[in-house]
């Protein structure tokens, strides 16, 4: 029997076509949820919801270092 790995591939870089799900501005943060859905946020909305996002995220892809501050 072979082992099964649950590693997720690295997410693709965000592009100028990726828009914040809240306001439509260019997204710089991608939140991956356990059921496979993604949420995209601009810096402003990512910072505004940082605590809750950290609670629900399986992975946070933060290209601008927004949530590291």
Protein backbone atom coordinates (compact mmCIF):
# COMPACT_ATOMS: atom_id res chain seq x y z
CA UNK A 1 0.00 0.00 0.00
CA UNK A 2 1.36 3.44 -0.85
CA UNK A 3 1.27 6.44 1.42
CA UNK A 4 -1.08 9.29 0.62
CA UNK A 5 0.18 12.81 1.12
CA UNK A 6 -2.08 15.73 1.75
CA UNK A 7 0.40 18.39 0.72
CA UNK A 8 -1.23 21.22 -1.13
CA UNK A 9 0.57 22.65 -4.13
CA UNK A 10 1.85 26.19 -3.86
CA UNK A 11 -0.81 28.67 -4.96
CA UNK A 12 -0.35 30.56 -8.19
CA UNK A 13 0.77 34.16 -7.75
CA UNK A 14 -2.02 36.70 -7.60
CA UNK A 15 -2.44 38.79 -10.75
CA UNK A 16 -4.04 42.13 -11.54
CA UNK A 17 -7.17 40.18 -12.49
CA UNK A 18 -7.56 38.90 -8.89
CA UNK A 19 -9.95 41.21 -7.04
CA UNK A 20 -10.96 41.65 -3.41
CA UNK A 21 -14.18 39.80 -2.64
CA UNK A 22 -15.31 42.74 -0.49
CA UNK A 23 -14.63 45.84 -2.60
CA UNK A 24 -13.20 44.86 -5.99
CA UNK A 25 -9.75 46.43 -5.52
CA UNK A 26 -6.72 44.36 -6.57
CA UNK A 27 -6.23 41.46 -4.14
CA UNK A 28 -2.94 40.86 -2.33
CA UNK A 29 -4.09 38.14 0.11
CA UNK A 30 -5.57 34.73 -0.72
CA UNK A 31 -7.26 32.73 2.05
CA UNK A 32 -7.72 29.00 1.44
CA UNK A 33 -10.53 27.35 3.39
CA UNK A 34 -10.75 23.72 4.47
CA UNK A 35 -13.46 22.82 1.96
CA UNK A 36 -11.36 24.12 -0.95
CA UNK A 37 -12.87 27.57 -1.46
CA UNK A 38 -10.73 30.69 -1.67
CA UNK A 39 -11.29 34.22 -0.46
CA UNK A 40 -9.38 37.16 -1.94
CA UNK A 41 -8.80 40.39 -0.06
CA UNK A 42 -7.14 43.74 -0.60
CA UNK A 43 -4.72 44.94 2.09
CA UNK A 44 -7.38 47.05 3.82
CA UNK A 45 -9.93 44.26 4.18
CA UNK A 46 -7.34 41.61 5.06
CA UNK A 47 -6.13 43.79 7.94
CA UNK A 48 -9.69 44.54 9.03
CA UNK A 49 -10.52 40.83 9.36
CA UNK A 50 -7.10 39.36 10.23
CA UNK A 51 -8.08 37.59 13.47
CA UNK A 52 -11.07 35.77 11.98
CA UNK A 53 -9.17 34.93 8.79
CA UNK A 54 -6.42 33.26 10.82
CA UNK A 55 -9.07 31.19 12.63
CA UNK A 56 -10.72 29.80 9.47
CA UNK A 57 -7.82 29.60 7.01
CA UNK A 58 -6.07 26.40 6.04
CA UNK A 59 -3.45 28.51 4.27
CA UNK A 60 -2.86 32.24 3.93
CA UNK A 61 -1.02 33.46 0.84
CA UNK A 62 0.01 37.03 1.67
CA UNK A 63 2.02 38.47 -1.21
CA UNK A 64 2.44 41.93 0.29
CA UNK A 65 3.24 40.92 3.87
CA UNK A 66 0.02 42.63 4.92
CA UNK A 67 -0.80 40.27 7.78
CA UNK A 68 2.76 40.00 9.04
CA UNK A 69 2.59 43.47 10.55
